[in-house]
Structures are given as C-alpha cells and as structure tokens.
C-alpha atoms as a PDB file:
ATOM      1  CA  UNK A   1     170.502 140.053  65.733  1.00  0.00           C
ATOM      2  CA  UNK A   2     171.055 136.689  66.389  1.00  0.00           C
ATOM      3  CA  UNK A   3     168.502 134.847  64.457  1.00  0.00           C
ATOM      4  CA  UNK A   4     170.749 132.403  63.464  1.00  0.00           C
ATOM      5  CA  UNK A   5     172.098 131.510  66.389  1.00  0.00           C
ATOM      6  CA  UNK A   6     168.476 131.255  67.772  1.00  0.00           C
ATOM      7  CA  UNK A   7     167.268 129.312  65.450  1.00  0.00           C
ATOM      8  CA  UNK A   8     170.123 126.861  65.219  1.00  0.00           C
ATOM      9  CA  UNK A   9     169.494 126.229  68.796  1.00  0.00           C
ATOM     10  CA  UNK A  10     165.415 125.532  68.814  1.00  0.00           C
ATOM     11  CA  UNK A  11     166.464 123.186  65.953  1.00  0.00           C
ATOM     12  CA  UNK A  12     168.857 121.530  68.055  1.00  0.00           C
ATOM     13  CA  UNK A  13     166.892 121.209  70.932  1.00  0.00           C
ATOM     14  CA  UNK A  14     163.805 119.265  69.281  1.00  0.00           C
ATOM     15  CA  UNK A  15     166.631 117.564  67.250  1.00  0.00           C
ATOM     16  CA  UNK A  16     168.012 116.027  69.985  1.00  0.00           C
ATOM     17  CA  UNK A  17     171.308 117.401  69.204  1.00  0.00           C
ATOM     18  CA  UNK A  18     173.510 117.623  71.610  1.00  0.00           C
ATOM     19  CA  UNK A  19     176.921 117.591  70.157  1.00  0.00           C
ATOM     20  CA  UNK A  20     175.200 120.895  68.428  1.00  0.00           C
ATOM     21  CA  UNK A  21     174.182 122.250  71.654  1.00  0.00           C
ATOM     22  CA  UNK A  22     177.134 121.853  73.592  1.00  0.00           C
ATOM     23  CA  UNK A  23     179.047 123.943  70.624  1.00  0.00           C
ATOM     24  CA  UNK A  24     176.163 126.893  70.766  1.00  0.00           C
ATOM     25  CA  UNK A  25     176.966 127.324  74.544  1.00  0.00           C
ATOM     26  CA  UNK A  26     180.140 129.369  75.557  1.00  0.00           C
ATOM     27  CA  UNK A  27     182.063 126.415  77.861  1.00  0.00           C
ATOM     28  CA  UNK A  28     180.993 128.270  81.366  1.00  0.00           C
ATOM     29  CA  UNK A  29     177.176 129.590  79.981  1.00  0.00           C
ATOM     30  CA  UNK A  30     174.712 129.685  82.763  1.00  0.00           C
ATOM     31  CA  UNK A  31     171.158 128.555  82.193  1.00  0.00           C
ATOM     32  CA  UNK A  32     168.504 129.875  85.193  1.00  0.00           C
ATOM     33  CA  UNK A  33     165.032 128.687  85.166  1.00  0.00           C
ATOM     34  CA  UNK A  34     161.897 130.045  87.131  1.00  0.00           C
ATOM     35  CA  UNK A  35     159.483 127.528  88.993  1.00  0.00           C
ATOM     36  CA  UNK A  36     159.245 125.654  92.602  1.00  0.00           C
ATOM     37  CA  UNK A  37     161.687 122.621  90.976  1.00  0.00           C
ATOM     38  CA  UNK A  38     164.340 125.200  89.745  1.00  0.00           C
ATOM     39  CA  UNK A  39     164.558 127.259  93.115  1.00  0.00           C
ATOM     40  CA  UNK A  40     166.493 130.332  91.347  1.00  0.00           C
ATOM     41  CA  UNK A  41     169.553 127.627  90.812  1.00  0.00           C
ATOM     42  CA  UNK A  42     171.266 128.013  88.036  1.00  0.00           C
ATOM     43  CA  UNK A  43     172.409 124.970  85.784  1.00  0.00           C
ATOM     44  CA  UNK A  44     175.763 124.336  84.166  1.00  0.00           C
ATOM     45  CA  UNK A  45     176.054 123.096  80.062  1.00  0.00           C
ATOM     46  CA  UNK A  46     175.975 119.753  80.847  1.00  0.00           C
ATOM     47  CA  UNK A  47     173.353 119.515  83.576  1.00  0.00           C
ATOM     48  CA  UNK A  48     170.936 121.502  80.637  1.00  0.00           C
ATOM     49  CA  UNK A  49     172.081 118.919  78.014  1.00  0.00           C
ATOM     50  CA  UNK A  50     171.017 116.748  79.984  1.00  0.00           C
ATOM     51  CA  UNK A  51     167.920 118.086  80.933  1.00  0.00           C
ATOM     52  CA  UNK A  52     167.415 118.697  76.931  1.00  0.00           C
ATOM     53  CA  UNK A  53     168.385 115.083  76.277  1.00  0.00           C
ATOM     54  CA  UNK A  54     165.718 114.028  78.448  1.00  0.00           C
ATOM     55  CA  UNK A  55     162.889 115.980  77.042  1.00  0.00           C
ATOM     56  CA  UNK A  56     163.796 114.756  73.383  1.00  0.00           C
ATOM     57  CA  UNK A  57     163.766 111.337  74.700  1.00  0.00           C
ATOM     58  CA  UNK A  58     159.894 111.724  76.043  1.00  0.00           C
ATOM     59  CA  UNK A  59     158.184 114.131  73.467  1.00  0.00           C
ATOM     60  CA  UNK A  60     156.507 113.273  70.230  1.00  0.00           C
ATOM     61  CA  UNK A  61     156.031 116.159  67.836  1.00  0.00           C
ATOM     62  CA  UNK A  62     158.871 118.132  70.271  1.00  0.00           C
ATOM     63  CA  UNK A  63     158.306 122.161  68.726  1.00  0.00           C
ATOM     64  CA  UNK A  64     158.589 125.188  69.693  1.00  0.00           C
ATOM     65  CA  UNK A  65     155.746 127.675  67.810  1.00  0.00           C
ATOM     66  CA  UNK A  66     154.587 131.370  68.029  1.00  0.00           C
ATOM     67  CA  UNK A  67     158.084 132.115  68.315  1.00  0.00           C
ATOM     68  CA  UNK A  68     158.599 135.834  68.717  1.00  0.00           C
ATOM     69  CA  UNK A  69     162.106 137.573  68.739  1.00  0.00           C
ATOM     70  CA  UNK A  70     163.404 140.821  70.147  1.00  0.00           C
ATOM     71  CA  UNK A  71     166.939 142.045  69.878  1.00  0.00           C
ATOM     72  CA  UNK A  72     169.064 143.046  72.661  1.00  0.00           C
ATOM     73  CA  UNK A  73     172.248 145.285  72.947  1.00  0.00           C
ATOM     74  CA  UNK A  74     174.277 141.981  74.237  1.00  0.00           C
ATOM     75  CA  UNK A  75     171.557 139.002  73.046  1.00  0.00           C
ATOM     76  CA  UNK A  76     168.389 138.436  72.618  1.00  0.00           C
ATOM     77  CA  UNK A  77     164.671 138.326  74.052  1.00  0.00           C
ATOM     78  CA  UNK A  78     162.119 135.347  73.045  1.00  0.00           C
ATOM     79  CA  UNK A  79     158.943 134.398  73.580  1.00  0.00           C
ATOM     80  CA  UNK A  80     157.380 130.537  72.511  1.00  0.00           C
ATOM     81  CA  UNK A  81     155.131 127.436  73.461  1.00  0.00           C
ATOM     82  CA  UNK A  82     156.866 124.593  73.872  1.00  0.00           C
ATOM     83  CA  UNK A  83     154.314 121.703  72.530  1.00  0.00           C
ATOM     84  CA  UNK A  84     154.486 117.983  72.177  1.00  0.00           C
ATOM     85  CA  UNK A  85     153.242 114.880  73.266  1.00  0.00           C
ATOM     86  CA  UNK A  86     154.406 112.765  76.067  1.00  0.00           C
ATOM     87  CA  UNK A  87     155.242 109.114  75.066  1.00  0.00           C
ATOM     88  CA  UNK A  88     153.212 107.742  77.795  1.00  0.00           C
ATOM     89  CA  UNK A  89     149.856 105.741  77.337  1.00  0.00           C
ATOM     90  CA  UNK A  90     147.846 108.321  77.854  1.00  0.00           C
ATOM     91  CA  UNK A  91     149.713 110.654  74.975  1.00  0.00           C
ATOM     92  CA  UNK A  92     149.369 114.098  77.516  1.00  0.00           C
ATOM     93  CA  UNK A  93     149.696 116.754  75.298  1.00  0.00           C
ATOM     94  CA  UNK A  94     152.286 119.428  76.505  1.00  0.00           C
ATOM     95  CA  UNK A  95     151.751 123.467  76.200  1.00  0.00           C
ATOM     96  CA  UNK A  96     154.261 125.057  78.218  1.00  0.00           C
ATOM     97  CA  UNK A  97     154.542 129.483  77.360  1.00  0.00           C
ATOM     98  CA  UNK A  98     157.785 130.646  78.282  1.00  0.00           C
ATOM     99  CA  UNK A  99     160.259 133.869  77.652  1.00  0.00           C
ATOM    100  CA  UNK A 100     163.711 133.452  77.255  1.00  0.00           C
ATOM    101  CA  UNK A 101     166.414 136.305  77.927  1.00  0.00           C
ATOM    102  CA  UNK A 102     170.089 135.165  76.336  1.00  0.00           C
ATOM    103  CA  UNK A 103     172.695 136.704  76.732  1.00  0.00           C
ATOM    104  CA  UNK A 104     175.485 136.012  73.824  1.00  0.00           C
ATOM    105  CA  UNK A 105     179.708 136.451  74.204  1.00  0.00           C
ATOM    106  CA  UNK A 106     181.715 138.348  72.337  1.00  0.00           C
ATOM    107  CA  UNK A 107     183.000 134.969  70.086  1.00  0.00           C
ATOM    108  CA  UNK A 108     178.742 133.908  69.121  1.00  0.00           C
ATOM    109  CA  UNK A 109     177.686 131.837  71.331  1.00  0.00           C
ATOM    110  CA  UNK A 110     175.289 131.867  74.544  1.00  0.00           C
ATOM    111  CA  UNK A 111     176.610 132.664  77.948  1.00  0.00           C
ATOM    112  CA  UNK A 112     173.683 132.889  80.057  1.00  0.00           C
ATOM    113  CA  UNK A 113     170.116 131.888  79.432  1.00  0.00           C
ATOM    114  CA  UNK A 114     167.235 133.442  82.214  1.00  0.00           C
ATOM    115  CA  UNK A 115     163.962 131.286  81.032  1.00  0.00           C
ATOM    116  CA  UNK A 116     160.789 132.219  82.544  1.00  0.00           C
ATOM    117  CA  UNK A 117     158.041 129.717  82.167  1.00  0.00           C
ATOM    118  CA  UNK A 118     154.120 129.366  82.685  1.00  0.00           C
ATOM    119  CA  UNK A 119     155.602 125.521  85.025  1.00  0.00           C
ATOM    120  CA  UNK A 120     151.796 124.820  85.104  1.00  0.00           C
ATOM    121  CA  UNK A 121     152.442 123.764  81.833  1.00  0.00           C
ATOM    122  CA  UNK A 122     154.806 121.512  83.035  1.00  0.00           C
ATOM    123  CA  UNK A 123     152.877 119.648  85.459  1.00  0.00           C
ATOM    124  CA  UNK A 124     152.673 116.457  83.162  1.00  0.00           C
ATOM    125  CA  UNK A 125     156.810 116.474  82.753  1.00  0.00           C
ATOM    126  CA  UNK A 126     157.341 116.783  86.456  1.00  0.00           C
ATOM    127  CA  UNK A 127     154.890 113.872  87.208  1.00  0.00           C
ATOM    128  CA  UNK A 128     156.470 111.928  84.656  1.00  0.00           C
ATOM    129  CA  UNK A 129     159.838 112.442  86.026  1.00  0.00           C
ATOM    130  CA  UNK A 130     158.447 111.604  89.670  1.00  0.00           C
ATOM    131  CA  UNK A 131     157.080 108.557  88.118  1.00  0.00           C
ATOM    132  CA  UNK A 132     160.474 107.793  87.208  1.00  0.00           C
ATOM    133  CA  UNK A 133     162.196 108.228  90.376  1.00  0.00           C
ATOM    134  CA  UNK A 134     159.733 106.201  91.968  1.00  0.00           C
ATOM    135  CA  UNK A 135     160.140 103.427  90.020  1.00  0.00           C
ATOM    136  CA  UNK A 136     163.713 103.366  90.698  1.00  0.00           C
ATOM    137  CA  UNK A 137     163.070 103.208  94.289  1.00  0.00           C
END
C-alpha cells in the first residue's frame, strides 16, 4: 500500500509545498480531470503544480476530509472531500467530493492521476477564476 506517499501528497497540497509535490511526481506524470473546463485533457506536472499553488493561495482552512483509500496493483484509489474557505468577501465555503485513481511507478512516485470530482462543488472556484480573468482584461 502507498499510504505514506498518499499522506505526503495531501500534506504537500494543503501546505502549498510545491517542491515536495514535484518530488512525489514522476517527471513525465500526467494528471487527468473530469469536468467541463478540463475537457478530458491531461495536465503536465508543471500545469498541475500551478493549479495547486493557486488553490493554496486562495483557500483558507484547505483540507481533505473523509479520506478512504484502497490499494490497487499499481497504486491506490482514494475518495475524499476537499474543504476550505475562499478568501473572498463572502468567505465562501468550498466542499467538493472527489475520487482519485493514482498509478505509482517502480520508483515509488506518482506517474498518473485520474481525478473524478463532483464539479458542482467547484462552482465558487470557477467564479473566482472568471472574475480574475475579467479583471485582467
């Protein structure tokens, strides 16, 4: 089982520790997300790190709860609920259920993630991104 890797991964995400995250990924790892904005596209490690840095800058009390993990022959599957509070005037609460299928390579690093999330829980995040993009225009 890859519990230590998974625990370090979540701790690095919530702590905004990009260097630890980078070390946990295989250099050519790919990250796939469901959802309309993802369009079935895969992210590179650097693209994913940009996304995770953005999350850590815009969420207070960023955490993963209700974590359940099961071993797979080449990795693990994890179900969780991402929770946090946006740093907006309304202090909008975020709650998004997700499931990760994680493939681990022979060196013990994350080679692939397929994330299936209840994207309705990310609506406030999408609204914030849209507002930020509009402000730049």
